[in-house]
Amino acid sequence: ENDELKERLADISAENESNKDHIEKINNKLASSIEDCNILEKKYKSLGMENNDLQEIYEHKLRENDSLMKDLESINITLEENKNTLSSAFAEIDTLKHSNDESNKLNKKDF
């Protein structure tokens, strides 16, 4: 019975050694996995910060675009006003030219 117990104890010891090796491999894989997770977490946080930066840049560009569109609208209004002013000026010039031509005709008749 003693020999049987010794044999059983030897089997258990061998199994324990095998389990220790297995546990060590699992622990190594777990440590590697934790390290990978930490790296991924750093990358995730970095991408999150980068995404926030890009979002701020995007929003700034939208505000800039809105401002430029307002400037463009203002310029278009000014151009339309200038066009109307020029049209009036040309019409006045045509009237003055016509009046001048009529006056010249009358002056030529007098001479």
PDB file of N, CA and C in Angstrom:
ATOM      1  N   GLU A   1       0.827  -1.200   0.000  1.00  0.00           N
ATOM      2  CA  GLU A   1       0.000   0.000   0.000  1.00  0.00           C
ATOM      3  C   GLU A   1       0.868   1.259   0.000  1.00  0.00           C
ATOM      4  N   ASN A   2       1.994   1.172   0.688  1.00  0.00           N
ATOM      5  CA  ASN A   2       2.933   2.288   0.748  1.00  0.00           C
ATOM      6  C   ASN A   2       3.529   2.542  -0.623  1.00  0.00           C
ATOM      7  N   ASP A   3       3.887   1.466  -1.297  1.00  0.00           N
ATOM      8  CA  ASP A   3       4.448   1.591  -2.647  1.00  0.00           C
ATOM      9  C   ASP A   3       3.417   2.204  -3.597  1.00  0.00           C
ATOM     10  N   GLU A   4       2.184   1.769  -3.390  1.00  0.00           N
ATOM     11  CA  GLU A   4       1.104   2.300  -4.223  1.00  0.00           C
ATOM     12  C   GLU A   4       0.938   3.802  -3.992  1.00  0.00           C
ATOM     13  N   LEU A   5       1.026   4.216  -2.752  1.00  0.00           N
ATOM     14  CA  LEU A   5       0.926   5.642  -2.416  1.00  0.00           C
ATOM     15  C   LEU A   5       2.112   6.408  -2.969  1.00  0.00           C
ATOM     16  N   LYS A   6       3.299   5.814  -2.886  1.00  0.00           N
ATOM     17  CA  LYS A   6       4.490   6.468  -3.435  1.00  0.00           C
ATOM     18  C   LYS A   6       4.348   6.638  -4.951  1.00  0.00           C
ATOM     19  N   GLU A   7       3.840   5.582  -5.570  1.00  0.00           N
ATOM     20  CA  GLU A   7       3.643   5.627  -7.020  1.00  0.00           C
ATOM     21  C   GLU A   7       2.621   6.715  -7.389  1.00  0.00           C
ATOM     22  N   ARG A   8       1.545   6.751  -6.601  1.00  0.00           N
ATOM     23  CA  ARG A   8       0.506   7.751  -6.851  1.00  0.00           C
ATOM     24  C   ARG A   8       1.055   9.156  -6.619  1.00  0.00           C
ATOM     25  N   LEU A   9       1.870   9.273  -5.592  1.00  0.00           N
ATOM     26  CA  LEU A   9       2.488  10.569  -5.288  1.00  0.00           C
ATOM     27  C   LEU A   9       3.432  10.984  -6.409  1.00  0.00           C
ATOM     28  N   ALA A  10       4.155  10.053  -6.970  1.00  0.00           N
ATOM     29  CA  ALA A  10       5.055  10.331  -8.097  1.00  0.00           C
ATOM     30  C   ALA A  10       4.241  10.784  -9.309  1.00  0.00           C
ATOM     31  N   ASP A  11       3.117  10.109  -9.551  1.00  0.00           N
ATOM     32  CA  ASP A  11       2.245  10.503 -10.670  1.00  0.00           C
ATOM     33  C   ASP A  11       1.708  11.922 -10.462  1.00  0.00           C
ATOM     34  N   ILE A  12       1.284  12.192  -9.234  1.00  0.00           N
ATOM     35  CA  ILE A  12       0.748  13.530  -8.921  1.00  0.00           C
ATOM     36  C   ILE A  12       1.849  14.582  -9.083  1.00  0.00           C
ATOM     37  N   SER A  13       3.067  14.262  -8.647  1.00  0.00           N
ATOM     38  CA  SER A  13       4.194  15.192  -8.782  1.00  0.00           C
ATOM     39  C   SER A  13       4.483  15.465 -10.252  1.00  0.00           C
ATOM     40  N   ALA A  14       4.471  14.416 -11.054  1.00  0.00           N
ATOM     41  CA  ALA A  14       4.714  14.574 -12.502  1.00  0.00           C
ATOM     42  C   ALA A  14       3.600  15.420 -13.108  1.00  0.00           C
ATOM     43  N   GLU A  15       2.361  15.150 -12.687  1.00  0.00           N
ATOM     44  CA  GLU A  15       1.237  15.938 -13.192  1.00  0.00           C
ATOM     45  C   GLU A  15       1.362  17.395 -12.755  1.00  0.00           C
ATOM     46  N   ASN A  16       1.791  17.615 -11.538  1.00  0.00           N
ATOM     47  CA  ASN A  16       1.998  18.983 -11.039  1.00  0.00           C
ATOM     48  C   ASN A  16       3.054  19.713 -11.857  1.00  0.00           C
ATOM     49  N   GLU A  17       4.145  19.024 -12.183  1.00  0.00           N
ATOM     50  CA  GLU A  17       5.200  19.627 -13.006  1.00  0.00           C
ATOM     51  C   GLU A  17       4.659  19.991 -14.381  1.00  0.00           C
ATOM     52  N   SER A  18       3.869  19.073 -14.944  1.00  0.00           N
ATOM     53  CA  SER A  18       3.272  19.329 -16.249  1.00  0.00           C
ATOM     54  C   SER A  18       2.319  20.529 -16.154  1.00  0.00           C
ATOM     55  N   ASN A  19       1.542  20.562 -15.079  1.00  0.00           N
ATOM     56  CA  ASN A  19       0.622  21.691 -14.873  1.00  0.00           C
ATOM     57  C   ASN A  19       1.382  22.998 -14.678  1.00  0.00           C
ATOM     58  N   LYS A  20       2.510  22.929 -13.944  1.00  0.00           N
ATOM     59  CA  LYS A  20       3.328  24.142 -13.741  1.00  0.00           C
ATOM     60  C   LYS A  20       3.808  24.681 -15.088  1.00  0.00           C
ATOM     61  N   ASP A  21       4.287  23.786 -15.951  1.00  0.00           N
ATOM     62  CA  ASP A  21       4.741  24.197 -17.291  1.00  0.00           C
ATOM     63  C   ASP A  21       3.582  24.830 -18.065  1.00  0.00           C
ATOM     64  N   HIS A  22       2.441  24.152 -17.978  1.00  0.00           N
ATOM     65  CA  HIS A  22       1.263  24.649 -18.692  1.00  0.00           C
ATOM     66  C   HIS A  22       0.850  26.025 -18.144  1.00  0.00           C
ATOM     67  N   ILE A  23       0.850  26.166 -16.836  1.00  0.00           N
ATOM     68  CA  ILE A  23       0.497  27.439 -16.188  1.00  0.00           C
ATOM     69  C   ILE A  23       1.500  28.522 -16.582  1.00  0.00           C
ATOM     70  N   GLU A  24       2.778  28.178 -16.636  1.00  0.00           N
ATOM     71  CA  GLU A  24       3.812  29.154 -17.028  1.00  0.00           C
ATOM     72  C   GLU A  24       3.584  29.623 -18.470  1.00  0.00           C
ATOM     73  N   LYS A  25       3.245  28.681 -19.374  1.00  0.00           N
ATOM     74  CA  LYS A  25       2.964  29.057 -20.760  1.00  0.00           C
ATOM     75  C   LYS A  25       1.740  29.984 -20.823  1.00  0.00           C
ATOM     76  N   ILE A  26       0.699  29.626 -20.057  1.00  0.00           N
ATOM     77  CA  ILE A  26      -0.510  30.463 -20.030  1.00  0.00           C
ATOM     78  C   ILE A  26      -0.178  31.847 -19.475  1.00  0.00           C
ATOM     79  N   ASN A  27       0.614  31.896 -18.407  1.00  0.00           N
ATOM     80  CA  ASN A  27       1.013  33.188 -17.825  1.00  0.00           C
ATOM     81  C   ASN A  27       1.810  34.028 -18.816  1.00  0.00           C
ATOM     82  N   ASN A  28       2.698  33.386 -19.567  1.00  0.00           N
ATOM     83  CA  ASN A  28       3.473  34.106 -20.583  1.00  0.00           C
ATOM     84  C   ASN A  28       2.553  34.661 -21.676  1.00  0.00           C
ATOM     85  N   LYS A  29       1.610  33.818 -22.130  1.00  0.00           N
ATOM     86  CA  LYS A  29       0.655  34.283 -23.135  1.00  0.00           C
ATOM     87  C   LYS A  29      -0.203  35.428 -22.578  1.00  0.00           C
ATOM     88  N   LEU A  30      -0.599  35.295 -21.328  1.00  0.00           N
ATOM     89  CA  LEU A  30      -1.410  36.325 -20.683  1.00  0.00           C
ATOM     90  C   LEU A  30      -0.620  37.628 -20.571  1.00  0.00           C
ATOM     91  N   ALA A  31       0.636  37.555 -20.175  1.00  0.00           N
ATOM     92  CA  ALA A  31       1.477  38.754 -20.072  1.00  0.00           C
ATOM     93  C   ALA A  31       1.632  39.411 -21.443  1.00  0.00           C
ATOM     94  N   SER A  32       1.831  38.582 -22.465  1.00  0.00           N
ATOM     95  CA  SER A  32       1.957  39.109 -23.827  1.00  0.00           C
ATOM     96  C   SER A  32       0.645  39.754 -24.279  1.00  0.00           C
ATOM     97  N   SER A  33      -0.454  39.096 -23.940  1.00  0.00           N
ATOM     98  CA  SER A  33      -1.766  39.625 -24.298  1.00  0.00           C
ATOM     99  C   SER A  33      -2.040  40.948 -23.582  1.00  0.00           C
ATOM    100  N   ILE A  34      -1.663  41.031 -22.307  1.00  0.00           N
ATOM    101  CA  ILE A  34      -1.832  42.280 -21.540  1.00  0.00           C
ATOM    102  C   ILE A  34      -0.979  43.388 -22.153  1.00  0.00           C
ATOM    103  N   GLU A  35       0.228  43.047 -22.540  1.00  0.00           N
ATOM    104  CA  GLU A  35       1.118  44.013 -23.188  1.00  0.00           C
ATOM    105  C   GLU A  35       0.499  44.506 -24.505  1.00  0.00           C
ATOM    106  N   ASP A  36      -0.034  43.570 -25.297  1.00  0.00           N
ATOM    107  CA  ASP A  36      -0.709  43.946 -26.544  1.00  0.00           C
ATOM    108  C   ASP A  36      -1.891  44.864 -26.267  1.00  0.00           C
ATOM    109  N   CYS A  37      -2.663  44.519 -25.234  1.00  0.00           N
ATOM    110  CA  CYS A  37      -3.819  45.358 -24.863  1.00  0.00           C
ATOM    111  C   CYS A  37      -3.364  46.762 -24.471  1.00  0.00           C
ATOM    112  N   ASN A  38      -2.282  46.863 -23.722  1.00  0.00           N
ATOM    113  CA  ASN A  38      -1.770  48.178 -23.321  1.00  0.00           C
ATOM    114  C   ASN A  38      -1.335  48.991 -24.532  1.00  0.00           C
ATOM    115  N   ILE A  39      -0.669  48.318 -25.480  1.00  0.00           N
ATOM    116  CA  ILE A  39      -0.250  49.001 -26.715  1.00  0.00           C
ATOM    117  C   ILE A  39      -1.476  49.467 -27.491  1.00  0.00           C
ATOM    118  N   LEU A  40      -2.471  48.576 -27.612  1.00  0.00           N
ATOM    119  CA  LEU A  40      -3.698  48.924 -28.333  1.00  0.00           C
ATOM    120  C   LEU A  40      -4.441  50.065 -27.638  1.00  0.00           C
ATOM    121  N   GLU A  41      -4.438  50.048 -26.320  1.00  0.00           N
ATOM    122  CA  GLU A  41      -5.101  51.121 -25.567  1.00  0.00           C
ATOM    123  C   GLU A  41      -4.411  52.463 -25.824  1.00  0.00           C
ATOM    124  N   LYS A  42      -3.083  52.455 -25.845  1.00  0.00           N
ATOM    125  CA  LYS A  42      -2.345  53.682 -26.145  1.00  0.00           C
ATOM    126  C   LYS A  42      -2.662  54.168 -27.557  1.00  0.00           C
ATOM    127  N   LYS A  43      -2.694  53.236 -28.521  1.00  0.00           N
ATOM    128  CA  LYS A  43      -3.028  53.602 -29.904  1.00  0.00           C
ATOM    129  C   LYS A  43      -4.449  54.145 -29.978  1.00  0.00           C
ATOM    130  N   TYR A  44      -5.371  53.498 -29.261  1.00  0.00           N
ATOM    131  CA  TYR A  44      -6.775  53.930 -29.247  1.00  0.00           C
ATOM    132  C   TYR A  44      -6.886  55.347 -28.695  1.00  0.00           C
ATOM    133  N   LYS A  45      -6.205  55.595 -27.583  1.00  0.00           N
ATOM    134  CA  LYS A  45      -6.238  56.938 -26.985  1.00  0.00           C
ATOM    135  C   LYS A  45      -5.611  57.962 -27.926  1.00  0.00           C
ATOM    136  N   SER A  46      -4.514  57.561 -28.566  1.00  0.00           N
ATOM    137  CA  SER A  46      -3.841  58.452 -29.509  1.00  0.00           C
ATOM    138  C   SER A  46      -4.760  58.774 -30.681  1.00  0.00           C
ATOM    139  N   LEU A  47      -5.431  57.744 -31.201  1.00  0.00           N
ATOM    140  CA  LEU A  47      -6.370  57.963 -32.307  1.00  0.00           C
ATOM    141  C   LEU A  47      -7.541  58.827 -31.857  1.00  0.00           C
ATOM    142  N   GLY A  48      -7.971  58.630 -30.621  1.00  0.00           N
ATOM    143  CA  GLY A  48      -9.052  59.452 -30.082  1.00  0.00           C
ATOM    144  C   GLY A  48      -8.648  60.908 -30.017  1.00  0.00           C
ATOM    145  N   MET A  49      -7.412  61.164 -29.553  1.00  0.00           N
ATOM    146  CA  MET A  49      -6.923  62.547 -29.487  1.00  0.00           C
ATOM    147  C   MET A  49      -6.776  63.109 -30.893  1.00  0.00           C
ATOM    148  N   GLU A  50      -6.246  62.277 -31.806  1.00  0.00           N
ATOM    149  CA  GLU A  50      -6.085  62.710 -33.193  1.00  0.00           C
ATOM    150  C   GLU A  50      -7.454  63.012 -33.805  1.00  0.00           C
ATOM    151  N   ASN A  51      -8.428  62.160 -33.503  1.00  0.00           N
ATOM    152  CA  ASN A  51      -9.782  62.363 -34.008  1.00  0.00           C
ATOM    153  C   ASN A  51     -10.363  63.673 -33.467  1.00  0.00           C
ATOM    154  N   ASN A  52     -10.123  63.947 -32.180  1.00  0.00           N
ATOM    155  CA  ASN A  52     -10.595  65.207 -31.595  1.00  0.00           C
ATOM    156  C   ASN A  52      -9.943  66.400 -32.285  1.00  0.00           C
ATOM    157  N   ASP A  53      -8.642  66.285 -32.546  1.00  0.00           N
ATOM    158  CA  ASP A  53      -7.925  67.361 -33.244  1.00  0.00           C
ATOM    159  C   ASP A  53      -8.515  67.576 -34.638  1.00  0.00           C
ATOM    160  N   LEU A  54      -8.753  66.469 -35.343  1.00  0.00           N
ATOM    161  CA  LEU A  54      -9.318  66.563 -36.692  1.00  0.00           C
ATOM    162  C   LEU A  54     -10.733  67.147 -36.651  1.00  0.00           C
ATOM    163  N   GLN A  55     -11.499  66.784 -35.609  1.00  0.00           N
ATOM    164  CA  GLN A  55     -12.851  67.324 -35.470  1.00  0.00           C
ATOM    165  C   GLN A  55     -12.793  68.835 -35.263  1.00  0.00           C
ATOM    166  N   GLU A  56     -11.853  69.287 -34.417  1.00  0.00           N
ATOM    167  CA  GLU A  56     -11.696  70.730 -34.181  1.00  0.00           C
ATOM    168  C   GLU A  56     -11.286  71.448 -35.471  1.00  0.00           C
ATOM    169  N   ILE A  57     -10.364  70.855 -36.211  1.00  0.00           N
ATOM    170  CA  ILE A  57      -9.916  71.452 -37.481  1.00  0.00           C
ATOM    171  C   ILE A  57     -11.096  71.520 -38.448  1.00  0.00           C
ATOM    172  N   TYR A  58     -11.874  70.434 -38.527  1.00  0.00           N
ATOM    173  CA  TYR A  58     -13.039  70.385 -39.406  1.00  0.00           C
ATOM    174  C   TYR A  58     -14.042  71.485 -39.043  1.00  0.00           C
ATOM    175  N   GLU A  59     -14.337  71.613 -37.749  1.00  0.00           N
ATOM    176  CA  GLU A  59     -15.290  72.632 -37.309  1.00  0.00           C
ATOM    177  C   GLU A  59     -14.762  74.039 -37.587  1.00  0.00           C
ATOM    178  N   HIS A  60     -13.461  74.237 -37.392  1.00  0.00           N
ATOM    179  CA  HIS A  60     -12.849  75.537 -37.692  1.00  0.00           C
ATOM    180  C   HIS A  60     -12.995  75.844 -39.184  1.00  0.00           C
ATOM    181  N   LYS A  61     -12.734  74.837 -40.019  1.00  0.00           N
ATOM    182  CA  LYS A  61     -12.850  75.035 -41.473  1.00  0.00           C
ATOM    183  C   LYS A  61     -14.298  75.333 -41.869  1.00  0.00           C
ATOM    184  N   LEU A  62     -15.266  74.694 -41.201  1.00  0.00           N
ATOM    185  CA  LEU A  62     -16.670  74.990 -41.487  1.00  0.00           C
ATOM    186  C   LEU A  62     -16.994  76.444 -41.156  1.00  0.00           C
ATOM    187  N   ARG A  63     -16.512  76.907 -39.980  1.00  0.00           N
ATOM    188  CA  ARG A  63     -16.741  78.310 -39.601  1.00  0.00           C
ATOM    189  C   ARG A  63     -16.049  79.245 -40.592  1.00  0.00           C
ATOM    190  N   GLU A  64     -14.833  78.873 -40.994  1.00  0.00           N
ATOM    191  CA  GLU A  64     -14.090  79.666 -41.968  1.00  0.00           C
ATOM    192  C   GLU A  64     -14.852  79.721 -43.295  1.00  0.00           C
ATOM    193  N   ASN A  65     -15.384  78.573 -43.716  1.00  0.00           N
ATOM    194  CA  ASN A  65     -16.171  78.517 -44.952  1.00  0.00           C
ATOM    195  C   ASN A  65     -17.406  79.408 -44.856  1.00  0.00           C
ATOM    196  N   ASP A  66     -18.101  79.341 -43.722  1.00  0.00           N
ATOM    197  CA  ASP A  66     -19.283  80.192 -43.532  1.00  0.00           C
ATOM    198  C   ASP A  66     -18.912  81.657 -43.661  1.00  0.00           C
ATOM    199  N   SER A  67     -17.802  82.032 -43.045  1.00  0.00           N
ATOM    200  CA  SER A  67     -17.339  83.422 -43.100  1.00  0.00           C
ATOM    201  C   SER A  67     -17.011  83.818 -44.540  1.00  0.00           C
ATOM    202  N   LEU A  68     -16.329  82.920 -45.247  1.00  0.00           N
ATOM    203  CA  LEU A  68     -15.977  83.201 -46.647  1.00  0.00           C
ATOM    204  C   LEU A  68     -17.218  83.311 -47.526  1.00  0.00           C
ATOM    205  N   MET A  69     -18.222  82.469 -47.255  1.00  0.00           N
ATOM    206  CA  MET A  69     -19.470  82.544 -48.018  1.00  0.00           C
ATOM    207  C   MET A  69     -20.166  83.887 -47.777  1.00  0.00           C
ATOM    208  N   LYS A  70     -20.152  84.356 -46.536  1.00  0.00           N
ATOM    209  CA  LYS A  70     -20.756  85.658 -46.231  1.00  0.00           C
ATOM    210  C   LYS A  70     -19.996  86.771 -46.946  1.00  0.00           C
ATOM    211  N   ASP A  71     -18.663  86.661 -46.923  1.00  0.00           N
ATOM    212  CA  ASP A  71     -17.843  87.649 -47.645  1.00  0.00           C
ATOM    213  C   ASP A  71     -18.173  87.634 -49.133  1.00  0.00           C
ATOM    214  N   LEU A  72     -18.312  86.436 -49.687  1.00  0.00           N
ATOM    215  CA  LEU A  72     -18.625  86.289 -51.102  1.00  0.00           C
ATOM    216  C   LEU A  72     -19.999  86.896 -51.419  1.00  0.00           C
ATOM    217  N   GLU A  73     -20.976  86.640 -50.560  1.00  0.00           N
ATOM    218  CA  GLU A  73     -22.306  87.223 -50.759  1.00  0.00           C
ATOM    219  C   GLU A  73     -22.218  88.753 -50.741  1.00  0.00           C
ATOM    220  N   SER A  74     -21.451  89.274 -49.800  1.00  0.00           N
ATOM    221  CA  SER A  74     -21.282  90.723 -49.689  1.00  0.00           C
ATOM    222  C   SER A  74     -20.624  91.282 -50.946  1.00  0.00           C
ATOM    223  N   ILE A  75     -19.609  90.588 -51.439  1.00  0.00           N
ATOM    224  CA  ILE A  75     -18.917  91.012 -52.666  1.00  0.00           C
ATOM    225  C   ILE A  75     -19.880  90.980 -53.852  1.00  0.00           C
ATOM    226  N   ASN A  76     -20.695  89.921 -53.927  1.00  0.00           N
ATOM    227  CA  ASN A  76     -21.665  89.818 -55.027  1.00  0.00           C
ATOM    228  C   ASN A  76     -22.677  90.971 -54.979  1.00  0.00           C
ATOM    229  N   ILE A  77     -23.114  91.326 -53.778  1.00  0.00           N
ATOM    230  CA  ILE A  77     -24.039  92.461 -53.633  1.00  0.00           C
ATOM    231  C   ILE A  77     -23.366  93.746 -54.103  1.00  0.00           C
ATOM    232  N   THR A  78     -22.109  93.939 -53.677  1.00  0.00           N
ATOM    233  CA  THR A  78     -21.353  95.126 -54.086  1.00  0.00           C
ATOM    234  C   THR A  78     -21.176  95.154 -55.600  1.00  0.00           C
ATOM    235  N   LEU A  79     -20.856  93.994 -56.182  1.00  0.00           N
ATOM    236  CA  LEU A  79     -20.700  93.917 -57.642  1.00  0.00           C
ATOM    237  C   LEU A  79     -22.007  94.276 -58.349  1.00  0.00           C
ATOM    238  N   GLU A  80     -23.121  93.781 -57.838  1.00  0.00           N
ATOM    239  CA  GLU A  80     -24.425  94.083 -58.433  1.00  0.00           C
ATOM    240  C   GLU A  80     -24.715  95.586 -58.324  1.00  0.00           C
ATOM    241  N   GLU A  81     -24.402  96.165 -57.167  1.00  0.00           N
ATOM    242  CA  GLU A  81     -24.598  97.607 -56.991  1.00  0.00           C
ATOM    243  C   GLU A  81     -23.711  98.388 -57.958  1.00  0.00           C
ATOM    244  N   ASN A  82     -22.453  97.969 -58.092  1.00  0.00           N
ATOM    245  CA  ASN A  82     -21.524  98.626 -59.023  1.00  0.00           C
ATOM    246  C   ASN A  82     -22.009  98.495 -60.460  1.00  0.00           C
ATOM    247  N   LYS A  83     -22.548  97.312 -60.801  1.00  0.00           N
ATOM    248  CA  LYS A  83     -23.076  97.089 -62.145  1.00  0.00           C
ATOM    249  C   LYS A  83     -24.238  98.056 -62.415  1.00  0.00           C
ATOM    250  N   ASN A  84     -25.122  98.187 -61.421  1.00  0.00           N
ATOM    251  CA  ASN A  84     -26.257  99.101 -61.572  1.00  0.00           C
ATOM    252  C   ASN A  84     -25.784 100.549 -61.692  1.00  0.00           C
ATOM    253  N   THR A  85     -24.784 100.917 -60.888  1.00  0.00           N
ATOM    254  CA  THR A  85     -24.227 102.269 -60.946  1.00  0.00           C
ATOM    255  C   THR A  85     -23.616 102.526 -62.319  1.00  0.00           C
ATOM    256  N   LEU A  86     -22.862 101.535 -62.833  1.00  0.00           N
ATOM    257  CA  LEU A  86     -22.259 101.678 -64.160  1.00  0.00           C
ATOM    258  C   LEU A  86     -23.328 101.785 -65.248  1.00  0.00           C
ATOM    259  N   SER A  87     -24.371 100.966 -65.133  1.00  0.00           N
ATOM    260  CA  SER A  87     -25.458 101.031 -66.117  1.00  0.00           C
ATOM    261  C   SER A  87     -26.094 102.416 -66.111  1.00  0.00           C
ATOM    262  N   SER A  88     -26.328 102.948 -64.919  1.00  0.00           N
ATOM    263  CA  SER A  88     -26.908 104.298 -64.805  1.00  0.00           C
ATOM    264  C   SER A  88     -25.948 105.328 -65.387  1.00  0.00           C
ATOM    265  N   ALA A  89     -24.674 105.180 -65.093  1.00  0.00           N
ATOM    266  CA  ALA A  89     -23.676 106.127 -65.592  1.00  0.00           C
ATOM    267  C   ALA A  89     -23.613 106.082 -67.120  1.00  0.00           C
ATOM    268  N   PHE A  90     -23.622 104.861 -67.690  1.00  0.00           N
ATOM    269  CA  PHE A  90     -23.598 104.739 -69.147  1.00  0.00           C
ATOM    270  C   PHE A  90     -24.868 105.312 -69.772  1.00  0.00           C
ATOM    271  N   ALA A  91     -25.987 105.085 -69.106  1.00  0.00           N
ATOM    272  CA  ALA A  91     -27.242 105.644 -69.613  1.00  0.00           C
ATOM    273  C   ALA A  91     -27.176 107.170 -69.580  1.00  0.00           C
ATOM    274  N   GLU A  92     -26.622 107.714 -68.503  1.00  0.00           N
ATOM    275  CA  GLU A  92     -26.470 109.168 -68.389  1.00  0.00           C
ATOM    276  C   GLU A  92     -25.506 109.689 -69.449  1.00  0.00           C
ATOM    277  N   ILE A  93     -24.425 108.942 -69.683  1.00  0.00           N
ATOM    278  CA  ILE A  93     -23.453 109.331 -70.723  1.00  0.00           C
ATOM    279  C   ILE A  93     -24.138 109.324 -72.089  1.00  0.00           C
ATOM    280  N   ASP A  94     -24.916 108.269 -72.345  1.00  0.00           N
ATOM    281  CA  ASP A  94     -25.649 108.198 -73.626  1.00  0.00           C
ATOM    282  C   ASP A  94     -26.604 109.381 -73.769  1.00  0.00           C
ATOM    283  N   THR A  95     -27.298 109.715 -72.680  1.00  0.00           N
ATOM    284  CA  THR A  95     -28.222 110.863 -72.712  1.00  0.00           C
ATOM    285  C   THR A  95     -27.460 112.143 -72.989  1.00  0.00           C
ATOM    286  N   LEU A  96     -26.329 112.327 -72.278  1.00  0.00           N
ATOM    287  CA  LEU A  96     -25.514 113.534 -72.468  1.00  0.00           C
ATOM    288  C   LEU A  96     -24.945 113.573 -73.894  1.00  0.00           C
ATOM    289  N   LYS A  97     -24.543 112.404 -74.391  1.00  0.00           N
ATOM    290  CA  LYS A  97     -23.986 112.337 -75.749  1.00  0.00           C
ATOM    291  C   LYS A  97     -25.073 112.710 -76.768  1.00  0.00           C
ATOM    292  N   HIS A  98     -26.258 112.141 -76.559  1.00  0.00           N
ATOM    293  CA  HIS A  98     -27.371 112.439 -77.456  1.00  0.00           C
ATOM    294  C   HIS A  98     -27.712 113.934 -77.396  1.00  0.00           C
ATOM    295  N   SER A  99     -27.741 114.441 -76.182  1.00  0.00           N
ATOM    296  CA  SER A  99     -28.030 115.875 -75.990  1.00  0.00           C
ATOM    297  C   SER A  99     -26.948 116.718 -76.648  1.00  0.00           C
ATOM    298  N   ASN A 100     -25.703 116.291 -76.504  1.00  0.00           N
ATOM    299  CA  ASN A 100     -24.572 116.999 -77.102  1.00  0.00           C
ATOM    300  C   ASN A 100     -24.655 116.943 -78.629  1.00  0.00           C
ATOM    301  N   ASP A 101     -25.008 115.749 -79.148  1.00  0.00           N
ATOM    302  CA  ASP A 101     -25.160 115.605 -80.594  1.00  0.00           C
ATOM    303  C   ASP A 101     -26.267 116.538 -81.113  1.00  0.00           C
ATOM    304  N   GLU A 102     -27.374 116.587 -80.384  1.00  0.00           N
ATOM    305  CA  GLU A 102     -28.478 117.468 -80.777  1.00  0.00           C
ATOM    306  C   GLU A 102     -28.038 118.935 -80.736  1.00  0.00           C
ATOM    307  N   SER A 103     -27.297 119.256 -79.704  1.00  0.00           N
ATOM    308  CA  SER A 103     -26.807 120.636 -79.548  1.00  0.00           C
ATOM    309  C   SER A 103     -25.846 120.978 -80.684  1.00  0.00           C
ATOM    310  N   ASN A 104     -24.984 120.014 -81.021  1.00  0.00           N
ATOM    311  CA  ASN A 104     -24.034 120.219 -82.129  1.00  0.00           C
ATOM    312  C   ASN A 104     -24.774 120.418 -83.452  1.00  0.00           C
ATOM    313  N   LYS A 105     -25.838 119.662 -83.667  1.00  0.00           N
ATOM    314  CA  LYS A 105     -26.628 119.786 -84.888  1.00  0.00           C
ATOM    315  C   LYS A 105     -27.248 121.190 -84.959  1.00  0.00           C
ATOM    316  N   LEU A 106     -27.778 121.650 -83.824  1.00  0.00           N
ATOM    317  CA  LEU A 106     -28.394 122.961 -83.774  1.00  0.00           C
ATOM    318  C   LEU A 106     -27.350 124.058 -84.014  1.00  0.00           C
ATOM    319  N   ASN A 107     -26.170 123.834 -83.411  1.00  0.00           N
ATOM    320  CA  ASN A 107     -25.089 124.829 -83.596  1.00  0.00           C
ATOM    321  C   ASN A 107     -24.629 124.863 -85.048  1.00  0.00           C
ATOM    322  N   LYS A 108     -24.603 123.710 -85.694  1.00  0.00           N
ATOM    323  CA  LYS A 108     -24.188 123.680 -87.102  1.00  0.00           C
ATOM    324  C   LYS A 108     -25.216 124.377 -87.978  1.00  0.00           C
ATOM    325  N   LYS A 109     -26.500 124.219 -87.623  1.00  0.00           N
ATOM    326  CA  LYS A 109     -27.547 124.896 -88.389  1.00  0.00           C
ATOM    327  C   LYS A 109     -27.417 126.401 -88.263  1.00  0.00           C
ATOM    328  N   ASP A 110     -27.025 126.857 -87.105  1.00  0.00           N
ATOM    329  CA  ASP A 110     -26.890 128.301 -86.862  1.00  0.00           C
ATOM    330  C   ASP A 110     -25.748 128.870 -87.677  1.00  0.00           C
ATOM    331  N   PHE A 111     -24.779 128.056 -87.985  1.00  0.00           N
ATOM    332  CA  PHE A 111     -23.620 128.578 -88.738  1.00  0.00           C
ATOM    333  C   PHE A 111     -23.838 128.366 -90.146  1.00  0.00           C
TER     334      PHE A 111
END
